[in-house]
Amino acid sequence: MINMSVITMILLATLLGGAISMALAALLAFRLSQGARMALVAFAAGVMLSSAWLDILPEAVQALPAATAHEHAGAHEHERERAGEHEHAGTHEHEHEHEHAGGREPIPSESAARHGEHAHGDAHDGPLFRLFAVVLLGILGFFTLEHLALWRHAHAESGHAAHESMVSAAPLVLIGDAFHNFVDGFMIAAAFIADPRLGATATFAIIVHEIPQELGDFIVLLHAGYSRAKALLANAASSLTAVAGGLAGYFSMADASALLPYVLALAAASFIYIALADLIPMLRHEPGHNNRFARQFALIVLGSAIVPLIGMWAHH
């Protein structure tokens, strides 16, 4: 049965949460000069790497048990079926012990061999393997998308390699942000379904940890040539996926939960690729890069540190 009060809370939380974090990030980004925005490209790189490795991927791993519960249930059923085999094999293993006492080497039991095969299979085709395969495929997919974007820019205008890199990174930033906002909306819905007070707490935590990410997005978009109004509109459009995630979480929690870790993996892949393939190389093209390395490194470290620090503060 549809609970309209819960849906209303989810819609308000996803809409207001995205608007508040975006407004605060825009206020910071729009007050910076062009030179300061260039310096904070390093900060954005650090934020994106930290968000991917220390926030999004850990959340994806934690989401795996719920997504693969049916696999674990199947594994337990398989173990129960094998229980009879173990009892039957007990007599033979006892005979092997007597053979070992007589000087002959014991023959490994069939069950032990099967256990080794099962463990090896888990390592190479289990849920963690699939999760990180999605990260790898996501990076390759974003590389392909950016290659097509760069090909178009190469035919449109010559030179300005660093600017072209930022222009091609801009849609990837918005795609990654859309994935992340969708997942945020999904998690807000799950929290409100469990307890409205938990939903309010989760919304506050998401607003706080989204501010540095939105700031990084604004810096990239402004450097790609977006006007303030266009950057604000583009970020607002990507934030609407939080509403879609909230509705998906409410109406199809059981089905959508299986996709949650992989949506998170794609979001992480986009942030990793943008930071390593676009933002950090852009820093190397900055005039006087060698003289500014210490500042760039410090800003990358600061951006990397702020995400877990804000996360710890929000959780406490």
C-alpha atoms as a PDB file:
ATOM      1  CA  MET A   1       0.000   0.000   0.000  1.00  0.00           C
ATOM      2  CA  ILE A   2       1.333   3.428  -0.954  1.00  0.00           C
ATOM      3  CA  ASN A   3       2.159   5.649   2.029  1.00  0.00           C
ATOM      4  CA  MET A   4       1.744   9.205   0.730  1.00  0.00           C
ATOM      5  CA  SER A   5       3.335  10.790   3.812  1.00  0.00           C
ATOM      6  CA  VAL A   6       6.538   8.779   3.310  1.00  0.00           C
ATOM      7  CA  ILE A   7       6.609   9.592  -0.417  1.00  0.00           C
ATOM      8  CA  THR A   8       6.132  13.294   0.387  1.00  0.00           C
ATOM      9  CA  MET A   9       9.030  13.218   2.850  1.00  0.00           C
ATOM     10  CA  ILE A  10      11.243  11.462   0.308  1.00  0.00           C
ATOM     11  CA  LEU A  11      10.390  13.988  -2.418  1.00  0.00           C
ATOM     12  CA  LEU A  12      10.993  16.977  -0.133  1.00  0.00           C
ATOM     13  CA  ALA A  13      14.264  15.525   1.166  1.00  0.00           C
ATOM     14  CA  THR A  14      15.665  14.782  -2.293  1.00  0.00           C
ATOM     15  CA  LEU A  15      14.603  18.138  -3.766  1.00  0.00           C
ATOM     16  CA  LEU A  16      15.657  20.327  -0.829  1.00  0.00           C
ATOM     17  CA  GLY A  17      18.801  18.311  -0.139  1.00  0.00           C
ATOM     18  CA  GLY A  18      20.061  18.772  -3.685  1.00  0.00           C
ATOM     19  CA  ALA A  19      19.087  22.448  -3.771  1.00  0.00           C
ATOM     20  CA  ILE A  20      20.814  23.294  -0.476  1.00  0.00           C
ATOM     21  CA  SER A  21      24.100  21.521  -1.257  1.00  0.00           C
ATOM     22  CA  MET A  22      24.156  22.958  -4.784  1.00  0.00           C
ATOM     23  CA  ALA A  23      23.430  26.507  -3.585  1.00  0.00           C
ATOM     24  CA  LEU A  24      26.195  26.445  -0.976  1.00  0.00           C
ATOM     25  CA  ALA A  25      28.706  24.994  -3.462  1.00  0.00           C
ATOM     26  CA  ALA A  26      27.724  27.582  -6.111  1.00  0.00           C
ATOM     27  CA  LEU A  27      28.149  30.403  -3.605  1.00  0.00           C
ATOM     28  CA  LEU A  28      31.719  29.284  -2.965  1.00  0.00           C
ATOM     29  CA  ALA A  29      32.564  28.629  -6.628  1.00  0.00           C
ATOM     30  CA  PHE A  30      31.104  31.860  -8.050  1.00  0.00           C
ATOM     31  CA  ARG A  31      32.972  34.062  -5.602  1.00  0.00           C
ATOM     32  CA  LEU A  32      36.352  32.717  -6.739  1.00  0.00           C
ATOM     33  CA  SER A  33      38.451  34.438  -9.385  1.00  0.00           C
ATOM     34  CA  GLN A  34      39.558  32.678 -12.557  1.00  0.00           C
ATOM     35  CA  GLY A  35      43.036  32.129 -11.133  1.00  0.00           C
ATOM     36  CA  ALA A  36      41.669  30.697  -7.917  1.00  0.00           C
ATOM     37  CA  ARG A  37      39.406  28.342  -9.865  1.00  0.00           C
ATOM     38  CA  MET A  38      42.431  27.074 -11.754  1.00  0.00           C
ATOM     39  CA  ALA A  39      44.224  26.408  -8.484  1.00  0.00           C
ATOM     40  CA  LEU A  40      41.192  24.534  -7.164  1.00  0.00           C
ATOM     41  CA  VAL A  41      41.181  22.137 -10.113  1.00  0.00           C
ATOM     42  CA  ALA A  42      43.691  20.229  -7.966  1.00  0.00           C
ATOM     43  CA  PHE A  43      41.234  20.377  -5.070  1.00  0.00           C
ATOM     44  CA  ALA A  44      38.486  18.976  -7.299  1.00  0.00           C
ATOM     45  CA  ALA A  45      40.765  16.110  -8.382  1.00  0.00           C
ATOM     46  CA  GLY A  46      41.421  15.211  -4.764  1.00  0.00           C
ATOM     47  CA  VAL A  47      37.728  15.367  -3.882  1.00  0.00           C
ATOM     48  CA  MET A  48      36.782  13.104  -6.789  1.00  0.00           C
ATOM     49  CA  LEU A  49      39.477  10.516  -6.024  1.00  0.00           C
ATOM     50  CA  SER A  50      38.586  10.496  -2.342  1.00  0.00           C
ATOM     51  CA  SER A  51      34.857  10.319  -3.063  1.00  0.00           C
ATOM     52  CA  ALA A  52      35.407   7.315  -5.329  1.00  0.00           C
ATOM     53  CA  TRP A  53      37.863   5.321  -3.202  1.00  0.00           C
ATOM     54  CA  LEU A  54      36.872   6.289   0.351  1.00  0.00           C
ATOM     55  CA  ASP A  55      33.135   6.908   0.043  1.00  0.00           C
ATOM     56  CA  ILE A  56      31.396   5.473  -3.022  1.00  0.00           C
ATOM     57  CA  LEU A  57      33.232   2.150  -3.422  1.00  0.00           C
ATOM     58  CA  PRO A  58      33.033   1.260   0.298  1.00  0.00           C
ATOM     59  CA  GLU A  59      29.286   1.934   0.105  1.00  0.00           C
ATOM     60  CA  ALA A  60      29.092  -0.317  -2.960  1.00  0.00           C
ATOM     61  CA  VAL A  61      30.878  -3.139  -1.147  1.00  0.00           C
ATOM     62  CA  GLN A  62      28.568  -2.772   1.862  1.00  0.00           C
ATOM     63  CA  ALA A  63      25.561  -2.939  -0.460  1.00  0.00           C
ATOM     64  CA  LEU A  64      26.693  -6.262  -1.959  1.00  0.00           C
ATOM     65  CA  PRO A  65      25.333  -8.641   0.736  1.00  0.00           C
ATOM     66  CA  ALA A  66      21.780  -7.352   0.291  1.00  0.00           C
ATOM     67  CA  ALA A  67      22.138  -7.564  -3.477  1.00  0.00           C
ATOM     68  CA  THR A  68      23.485 -11.134  -3.390  1.00  0.00           C
ATOM     69  CA  ALA A  69      21.471 -12.609  -0.542  1.00  0.00           C
ATOM     70  CA  HIS A  70      19.930 -15.151  -2.896  1.00  0.00           C
ATOM     71  CA  GLU A  71      23.439 -16.289  -3.862  1.00  0.00           C
ATOM     72  CA  HIS A  72      24.380 -16.847  -0.228  1.00  0.00           C
ATOM     73  CA  ALA A  73      21.111 -18.717   0.367  1.00  0.00           C
ATOM     74  CA  GLY A  74      21.901 -20.931  -2.594  1.00  0.00           C
ATOM     75  CA  ALA A  75      25.374 -21.573  -1.227  1.00  0.00           C
ATOM     76  CA  HIS A  76      23.961 -22.611   2.176  1.00  0.00           C
ATOM     77  CA  GLU A  77      21.521 -24.967   0.469  1.00  0.00           C
ATOM     78  CA  HIS A  78      24.424 -26.455  -1.482  1.00  0.00           C
ATOM     79  CA  GLU A  79      26.363 -26.962   1.765  1.00  0.00           C
ATOM     80  CA  ARG A  80      23.392 -28.772   3.306  1.00  0.00           C
ATOM     81  CA  GLU A  81      23.196 -31.079   0.293  1.00  0.00           C
ATOM     82  CA  ARG A  82      26.880 -31.842   0.659  1.00  0.00           C
ATOM     83  CA  ALA A  83      26.492 -32.698   4.363  1.00  0.00           C
ATOM     84  CA  GLY A  84      25.500 -36.255   3.479  1.00  0.00           C
ATOM     85  CA  GLU A  85      28.581 -36.549   1.267  1.00  0.00           C
ATOM     86  CA  HIS A  86      30.828 -35.513   4.179  1.00  0.00           C
ATOM     87  CA  GLU A  87      29.284 -38.203   6.416  1.00  0.00           C
ATOM     88  CA  HIS A  88      29.814 -40.806   3.731  1.00  0.00           C
ATOM     89  CA  ALA A  89      33.362 -39.616   3.131  1.00  0.00           C
ATOM     90  CA  GLY A  90      34.177 -39.787   6.863  1.00  0.00           C
ATOM     91  CA  THR A  91      34.702 -43.550   6.707  1.00  0.00           C
ATOM     92  CA  HIS A  92      37.081 -43.260   3.768  1.00  0.00           C
ATOM     93  CA  GLU A  93      39.042 -40.429   5.389  1.00  0.00           C
ATOM     94  CA  HIS A  94      39.431 -42.599   8.516  1.00  0.00           C
ATOM     95  CA  GLU A  95      40.897 -45.319   6.313  1.00  0.00           C
ATOM     96  CA  HIS A  96      43.326 -42.783   4.788  1.00  0.00           C
ATOM     97  CA  GLU A  97      44.543 -41.938   8.317  1.00  0.00           C
ATOM     98  CA  HIS A  98      45.388 -45.613   8.927  1.00  0.00           C
ATOM     99  CA  GLU A  99      47.206 -45.697   5.598  1.00  0.00           C
ATOM    100  CA  HIS A 100      49.243 -42.614   6.600  1.00  0.00           C
ATOM    101  CA  ALA A 101      50.175 -44.320   9.874  1.00  0.00           C
ATOM    102  CA  GLY A 102      51.456 -47.252   7.839  1.00  0.00           C
ATOM    103  CA  GLY A 103      53.846 -45.021   5.902  1.00  0.00           C
ATOM    104  CA  ARG A 104      51.774 -44.093   2.917  1.00  0.00           C
ATOM    105  CA  GLU A 105      50.776 -40.489   2.091  1.00  0.00           C
ATOM    106  CA  PRO A 106      47.043 -39.695   2.534  1.00  0.00           C
ATOM    107  CA  ILE A 107      44.996 -38.995  -0.546  1.00  0.00           C
ATOM    108  CA  PRO A 108      43.291 -35.556  -0.377  1.00  0.00           C
ATOM    109  CA  SER A 109      39.567 -35.973   0.080  1.00  0.00           C
ATOM    110  CA  GLU A 110      37.266 -35.111  -2.777  1.00  0.00           C
ATOM    111  CA  SER A 111      35.402 -32.670  -0.532  1.00  0.00           C
ATOM    112  CA  ALA A 112      38.611 -30.715   0.146  1.00  0.00           C
ATOM    113  CA  ALA A 113      39.304 -30.466  -3.572  1.00  0.00           C
ATOM    114  CA  ARG A 114      35.797 -29.251  -4.185  1.00  0.00           C
ATOM    115  CA  HIS A 115      36.178 -26.690  -1.400  1.00  0.00           C
ATOM    116  CA  GLY A 116      39.306 -25.326  -3.080  1.00  0.00           C
ATOM    117  CA  GLU A 117      37.537 -25.057  -6.382  1.00  0.00           C
ATOM    118  CA  HIS A 118      34.591 -23.276  -4.721  1.00  0.00           C
ATOM    119  CA  ALA A 119      36.867 -20.740  -3.016  1.00  0.00           C
ATOM    120  CA  HIS A 120      38.742 -20.077  -6.259  1.00  0.00           C
ATOM    121  CA  GLY A 121      35.457 -19.519  -8.064  1.00  0.00           C
ATOM    122  CA  ASP A 122      34.298 -17.017  -5.444  1.00  0.00           C
ATOM    123  CA  ALA A 123      37.503 -15.003  -5.936  1.00  0.00           C
ATOM    124  CA  HIS A 124      37.178 -14.819  -9.700  1.00  0.00           C
ATOM    125  CA  ASP A 125      33.467 -14.666 -10.415  1.00  0.00           C
ATOM    126  CA  GLY A 126      31.867 -13.648  -7.125  1.00  0.00           C
ATOM    127  CA  PRO A 127      30.120 -10.380  -6.264  1.00  0.00           C
ATOM    128  CA  LEU A 128      33.328  -8.450  -5.533  1.00  0.00           C
ATOM    129  CA  PHE A 129      34.792  -9.567  -8.869  1.00  0.00           C
ATOM    130  CA  ARG A 130      31.669  -8.376 -10.692  1.00  0.00           C
ATOM    131  CA  LEU A 131      31.666  -5.081  -8.798  1.00  0.00           C
ATOM    132  CA  PHE A 132      35.245  -4.190  -9.719  1.00  0.00           C
ATOM    133  CA  ALA A 133      34.679  -5.456 -13.259  1.00  0.00           C
ATOM    134  CA  VAL A 134      31.934  -2.836 -13.530  1.00  0.00           C
ATOM    135  CA  VAL A 135      34.406  -0.191 -12.320  1.00  0.00           C
ATOM    136  CA  LEU A 136      36.891  -1.267 -15.012  1.00  0.00           C
ATOM    137  CA  LEU A 137      34.241  -1.380 -17.736  1.00  0.00           C
ATOM    138  CA  GLY A 138      32.979   2.020 -16.606  1.00  0.00           C
ATOM    139  CA  ILE A 139      36.443   3.551 -16.936  1.00  0.00           C
ATOM    140  CA  LEU A 140      36.824   2.050 -20.410  1.00  0.00           C
ATOM    141  CA  GLY A 141      33.360   3.320 -21.342  1.00  0.00           C
ATOM    142  CA  PHE A 142      34.147   6.858 -20.172  1.00  0.00           C
ATOM    143  CA  PHE A 143      37.430   6.701 -22.094  1.00  0.00           C
ATOM    144  CA  THR A 144      35.440   5.869 -25.231  1.00  0.00           C
ATOM    145  CA  LEU A 145      32.946   8.681 -24.603  1.00  0.00           C
ATOM    146  CA  GLU A 146      35.720  11.189 -24.053  1.00  0.00           C
ATOM    147  CA  HIS A 147      37.595  10.009 -27.142  1.00  0.00           C
ATOM    148  CA  LEU A 148      34.498  10.724 -29.247  1.00  0.00           C
ATOM    149  CA  ALA A 149      34.128  14.137 -27.602  1.00  0.00           C
ATOM    150  CA  LEU A 150      37.778  14.987 -28.205  1.00  0.00           C
ATOM    151  CA  TRP A 151      37.473  13.852 -31.845  1.00  0.00           C
ATOM    152  CA  ARG A 152      34.632  16.318 -32.356  1.00  0.00           C
ATOM    153  CA  HIS A 153      36.557  19.124 -30.680  1.00  0.00           C
ATOM    154  CA  ALA A 154      39.679  18.317 -32.702  1.00  0.00           C
ATOM    155  CA  HIS A 155      37.724  18.898 -35.884  1.00  0.00           C
ATOM    156  CA  ALA A 156      36.017  21.993 -34.563  1.00  0.00           C
ATOM    157  CA  GLU A 157      39.094  23.890 -33.399  1.00  0.00           C
ATOM    158  CA  SER A 158      42.832  23.404 -33.139  1.00  0.00           C
ATOM    159  CA  GLY A 159      45.081  23.804 -30.109  1.00  0.00           C
ATOM    160  CA  HIS A 160      44.030  24.531 -26.562  1.00  0.00           C
ATOM    161  CA  ALA A 161      44.523  20.899 -25.496  1.00  0.00           C
ATOM    162  CA  ALA A 162      43.947  21.612 -21.835  1.00  0.00           C
ATOM    163  CA  HIS A 163      40.736  23.532 -22.521  1.00  0.00           C
ATOM    164  CA  GLU A 164      39.471  20.743 -24.798  1.00  0.00           C
ATOM    165  CA  SER A 165      40.194  18.239 -22.047  1.00  0.00           C
ATOM    166  CA  MET A 166      38.052  20.209 -19.631  1.00  0.00           C
ATOM    167  CA  VAL A 167      35.270  20.632 -22.217  1.00  0.00           C
ATOM    168  CA  SER A 168      35.152  16.862 -22.754  1.00  0.00           C
ATOM    169  CA  ALA A 169      35.290  16.249 -19.002  1.00  0.00           C
ATOM    170  CA  ALA A 170      32.241  18.440 -18.322  1.00  0.00           C
ATOM    171  CA  PRO A 171      29.559  15.980 -19.566  1.00  0.00           C
ATOM    172  CA  LEU A 172      31.343  13.146 -17.745  1.00  0.00           C
ATOM    173  CA  VAL A 173      31.179  15.176 -14.528  1.00  0.00           C
ATOM    174  CA  LEU A 174      27.435  15.607 -15.008  1.00  0.00           C
ATOM    175  CA  ILE A 175      26.939  11.902 -15.805  1.00  0.00           C
ATOM    176  CA  GLY A 176      28.887  10.852 -12.723  1.00  0.00           C
ATOM    177  CA  ASP A 177      27.039  13.359 -10.575  1.00  0.00           C
ATOM    178  CA  ALA A 178      23.719  12.069 -11.906  1.00  0.00           C
ATOM    179  CA  PHE A 179      24.643   8.484 -10.954  1.00  0.00           C
ATOM    180  CA  HIS A 180      25.745   9.611  -7.494  1.00  0.00           C
ATOM    181  CA  ASN A 181      22.604  11.700  -6.922  1.00  0.00           C
ATOM    182  CA  PHE A 182      20.409   8.767  -7.993  1.00  0.00           C
ATOM    183  CA  VAL A 183      22.081   6.583  -5.376  1.00  0.00           C
ATOM    184  CA  ASP A 184      21.745   9.329  -2.751  1.00  0.00           C
ATOM    185  CA  GLY A 185      18.018   9.474  -3.454  1.00  0.00           C
ATOM    186  CA  PHE A 186      17.775   5.702  -3.204  1.00  0.00           C
ATOM    187  CA  MET A 187      19.504   5.722   0.198  1.00  0.00           C
ATOM    188  CA  ILE A 188      17.291   8.569   1.449  1.00  0.00           C
ATOM    189  CA  ALA A 189      14.213   6.527   0.489  1.00  0.00           C
ATOM    190  CA  ALA A 190      15.540   3.459   2.311  1.00  0.00           C
ATOM    191  CA  ALA A 191      16.171   5.539   5.446  1.00  0.00           C
ATOM    192  CA  PHE A 192      12.705   7.140   5.433  1.00  0.00           C
ATOM    193  CA  ILE A 193      11.031   3.767   4.929  1.00  0.00           C
ATOM    194  CA  ALA A 194      12.899   2.457   7.990  1.00  0.00           C
ATOM    195  CA  ASP A 195      12.243   5.517  10.195  1.00  0.00           C
ATOM    196  CA  PRO A 196      11.433   9.172   9.337  1.00  0.00           C
ATOM    197  CA  ARG A 197      13.974  10.372  11.923  1.00  0.00           C
ATOM    198  CA  LEU A 198      16.634   8.197  10.293  1.00  0.00           C
ATOM    199  CA  GLY A 199      15.603   9.668   6.944  1.00  0.00           C
ATOM    200  CA  ALA A 200      16.119  13.215   8.233  1.00  0.00           C
ATOM    201  CA  THR A 201      19.549  12.283   9.608  1.00  0.00           C
ATOM    202  CA  ALA A 202      20.561  10.600   6.351  1.00  0.00           C
ATOM    203  CA  THR A 203      19.418  13.647   4.366  1.00  0.00           C
ATOM    204  CA  PHE A 204      21.532  15.971   6.495  1.00  0.00           C
ATOM    205  CA  ALA A 205      24.591  13.711   6.133  1.00  0.00           C
ATOM    206  CA  ILE A 206      24.158  13.583   2.347  1.00  0.00           C
ATOM    207  CA  ILE A 207      23.823  17.386   2.107  1.00  0.00           C
ATOM    208  CA  VAL A 208      27.060  17.845   4.071  1.00  0.00           C
ATOM    209  CA  HIS A 209      29.112  15.346   2.090  1.00  0.00           C
ATOM    210  CA  GLU A 210      27.713  16.575  -1.249  1.00  0.00           C
ATOM    211  CA  ILE A 211      28.966  20.168  -0.793  1.00  0.00           C
ATOM    212  CA  PRO A 212      32.646  19.473  -1.646  1.00  0.00           C
ATOM    213  CA  GLN A 213      31.609  17.263  -4.562  1.00  0.00           C
ATOM    214  CA  GLU A 214      29.276  19.926  -5.967  1.00  0.00           C
ATOM    215  CA  LEU A 215      32.030  22.514  -5.524  1.00  0.00           C
ATOM    216  CA  GLY A 216      34.367  20.355  -7.575  1.00  0.00           C
ATOM    217  CA  ASP A 217      31.695  19.967 -10.255  1.00  0.00           C
ATOM    218  CA  PHE A 218      31.181  23.738 -10.488  1.00  0.00           C
ATOM    219  CA  ILE A 219      34.927  24.344 -10.816  1.00  0.00           C
ATOM    220  CA  VAL A 220      35.181  21.859 -13.698  1.00  0.00           C
ATOM    221  CA  LEU A 221      32.132  23.267 -15.495  1.00  0.00           C
ATOM    222  CA  LEU A 222      33.290  26.889 -15.169  1.00  0.00           C
ATOM    223  CA  HIS A 223      36.728  25.952 -16.484  1.00  0.00           C
ATOM    224  CA  ALA A 224      35.092  24.145 -19.405  1.00  0.00           C
ATOM    225  CA  GLY A 225      33.586  27.475 -20.483  1.00  0.00           C
ATOM    226  CA  TYR A 226      30.133  27.184 -18.932  1.00  0.00           C
ATOM    227  CA  SER A 227      28.570  30.435 -17.822  1.00  0.00           C
ATOM    228  CA  ARG A 228      27.453  30.652 -14.194  1.00  0.00           C
ATOM    229  CA  ALA A 229      23.821  30.300 -15.235  1.00  0.00           C
ATOM    230  CA  LYS A 230      24.533  27.313 -17.492  1.00  0.00           C
ATOM    231  CA  ALA A 231      26.648  25.597 -14.811  1.00  0.00           C
ATOM    232  CA  LEU A 232      23.902  26.142 -12.248  1.00  0.00           C
ATOM    233  CA  LEU A 233      21.215  24.836 -14.628  1.00  0.00           C
ATOM    234  CA  ALA A 234      23.284  21.767 -15.595  1.00  0.00           C
ATOM    235  CA  ASN A 235      23.956  20.894 -11.964  1.00  0.00           C
ATOM    236  CA  ALA A 236      20.288  21.417 -11.107  1.00  0.00           C
ATOM    237  CA  ALA A 237      19.274  19.010 -13.878  1.00  0.00           C
ATOM    238  CA  SER A 238      21.707  16.342 -12.664  1.00  0.00           C
ATOM    239  CA  SER A 239      20.443  16.773  -9.090  1.00  0.00           C
ATOM    240  CA  LEU A 240      16.923  15.776 -10.202  1.00  0.00           C
ATOM    241  CA  THR A 241      18.125  12.176 -10.525  1.00  0.00           C
ATOM    242  CA  ALA A 242      18.028  12.114  -6.706  1.00  0.00           C
ATOM    243  CA  VAL A 243      14.235  12.395  -6.986  1.00  0.00           C
ATOM    244  CA  ALA A 244      14.208   9.504  -9.470  1.00  0.00           C
ATOM    245  CA  GLY A 245      16.382   7.478  -7.112  1.00  0.00           C
ATOM    246  CA  GLY A 246      14.069   8.216  -4.208  1.00  0.00           C
ATOM    247  CA  LEU A 247      11.003   7.097  -6.143  1.00  0.00           C
ATOM    248  CA  ALA A 248      12.802   3.991  -7.428  1.00  0.00           C
ATOM    249  CA  GLY A 249      13.856   3.174  -3.886  1.00  0.00           C
ATOM    250  CA  TYR A 250      10.301   3.471  -2.586  1.00  0.00           C
ATOM    251  CA  PHE A 251       8.420   1.614  -5.313  1.00  0.00           C
ATOM    252  CA  SER A 252      10.895  -1.149  -6.116  1.00  0.00           C
ATOM    253  CA  MET A 253      13.201  -1.471  -3.117  1.00  0.00           C
ATOM    254  CA  ALA A 254      13.662  -5.225  -3.485  1.00  0.00           C
ATOM    255  CA  ASP A 255      14.483  -5.114  -7.208  1.00  0.00           C
ATOM    256  CA  ALA A 256      16.432  -1.849  -7.240  1.00  0.00           C
ATOM    257  CA  SER A 257      18.642  -2.912  -4.313  1.00  0.00           C
ATOM    258  CA  ALA A 258      20.286  -5.511  -6.550  1.00  0.00           C
ATOM    259  CA  LEU A 259      21.437  -2.707  -8.879  1.00  0.00           C
ATOM    260  CA  LEU A 260      22.620  -0.377  -6.105  1.00  0.00           C
ATOM    261  CA  PRO A 261      26.249  -1.571  -5.827  1.00  0.00           C
ATOM    262  CA  TYR A 262      26.731  -1.455  -9.596  1.00  0.00           C
ATOM    263  CA  VAL A 263      25.252   2.021  -9.943  1.00  0.00           C
ATOM    264  CA  LEU A 264      27.694   3.084  -7.221  1.00  0.00           C
ATOM    265  CA  ALA A 265      30.535   1.379  -9.102  1.00  0.00           C
ATOM    266  CA  LEU A 266      29.735   3.363 -12.259  1.00  0.00           C
ATOM    267  CA  ALA A 267      29.667   6.597 -10.262  1.00  0.00           C
ATOM    268  CA  ALA A 268      33.076   5.762  -8.776  1.00  0.00           C
ATOM    269  CA  ALA A 269      34.461   4.893 -12.221  1.00  0.00           C
ATOM    270  CA  SER A 270      33.403   8.270 -13.600  1.00  0.00           C
ATOM    271  CA  PHE A 271      35.063  10.194 -10.755  1.00  0.00           C
ATOM    272  CA  ILE A 272      38.303   8.164 -10.999  1.00  0.00           C
ATOM    273  CA  TYR A 273      38.508   8.653 -14.749  1.00  0.00           C
ATOM    274  CA  ILE A 274      37.795  12.393 -14.633  1.00  0.00           C
ATOM    275  CA  ALA A 275      40.400  12.984 -11.922  1.00  0.00           C
ATOM    276  CA  LEU A 276      43.176  10.910 -13.492  1.00  0.00           C
ATOM    277  CA  ALA A 277      42.525  11.480 -17.197  1.00  0.00           C
ATOM    278  CA  ASP A 278      41.371  15.112 -17.245  1.00  0.00           C
ATOM    279  CA  LEU A 279      42.004  17.142 -14.108  1.00  0.00           C
ATOM    280  CA  ILE A 280      45.498  16.012 -13.092  1.00  0.00           C
ATOM    281  CA  PRO A 281      46.838  16.169 -16.688  1.00  0.00           C
ATOM    282  CA  MET A 282      45.407  19.694 -16.903  1.00  0.00           C
ATOM    283  CA  LEU A 283      47.518  20.674 -13.894  1.00  0.00           C
ATOM    284  CA  ARG A 284      50.611  19.555 -15.778  1.00  0.00           C
ATOM    285  CA  HIS A 285      49.729  21.962 -18.615  1.00  0.00           C
ATOM    286  CA  GLU A 286      49.371  24.891 -16.231  1.00  0.00           C
ATOM    287  CA  PRO A 287      52.076  27.554 -16.885  1.00  0.00           C
ATOM    288  CA  GLY A 288      54.832  27.265 -14.311  1.00  0.00           C
ATOM    289  CA  HIS A 289      53.696  23.793 -13.288  1.00  0.00           C
ATOM    290  CA  ASN A 290      57.065  22.854 -11.777  1.00  0.00           C
ATOM    291  CA  ASN A 291      57.052  25.931  -9.555  1.00  0.00           C
ATOM    292  CA  ARG A 292      53.467  25.289  -8.466  1.00  0.00           C
ATOM    293  CA  PHE A 293      53.796  21.578  -7.740  1.00  0.00           C
ATOM    294  CA  ALA A 294      53.786  22.042  -3.965  1.00  0.00           C
ATOM    295  CA  ARG A 295      50.560  24.058  -4.104  1.00  0.00           C
ATOM    296  CA  GLN A 296      48.906  21.586  -6.474  1.00  0.00           C
ATOM    297  CA  PHE A 297      49.938  18.622  -4.335  1.00  0.00           C
ATOM    298  CA  ALA A 298      48.698  20.314  -1.161  1.00  0.00           C
ATOM    299  CA  LEU A 299      45.305  21.021  -2.755  1.00  0.00           C
ATOM    300  CA  ILE A 300      44.968  17.425  -3.991  1.00  0.00           C
ATOM    301  CA  VAL A 301      45.734  16.197  -0.462  1.00  0.00           C
ATOM    302  CA  LEU A 302      43.256  18.708   1.004  1.00  0.00           C
ATOM    303  CA  GLY A 303      40.532  17.621  -1.415  1.00  0.00           C
ATOM    304  CA  SER A 304      41.278  13.970  -0.617  1.00  0.00           C
ATOM    305  CA  ALA A 305      41.110  14.597   3.137  1.00  0.00           C
ATOM    306  CA  ILE A 306      37.969  16.718   3.284  1.00  0.00           C
ATOM    307  CA  VAL A 307      35.592  13.967   2.147  1.00  0.00           C
ATOM    308  CA  PRO A 308      36.391  11.446   4.930  1.00  0.00           C
ATOM    309  CA  LEU A 309      36.686  14.255   7.508  1.00  0.00           C
ATOM    310  CA  ILE A 310      33.238  15.609   6.675  1.00  0.00           C
ATOM    311  CA  GLY A 311      31.903  12.053   6.597  1.00  0.00           C
ATOM    312  CA  MET A 312      33.223  11.338  10.092  1.00  0.00           C
ATOM    313  CA  TRP A 313      31.805  14.627  11.388  1.00  0.00           C
ATOM    314  CA  ALA A 314      28.403  13.945   9.840  1.00  0.00           C
ATOM    315  CA  HIS A 315      28.228  10.450  11.309  1.00  0.00           C
ATOM    316  CA  HIS A 316      28.987  11.748  14.770  1.00  0.00           C
END
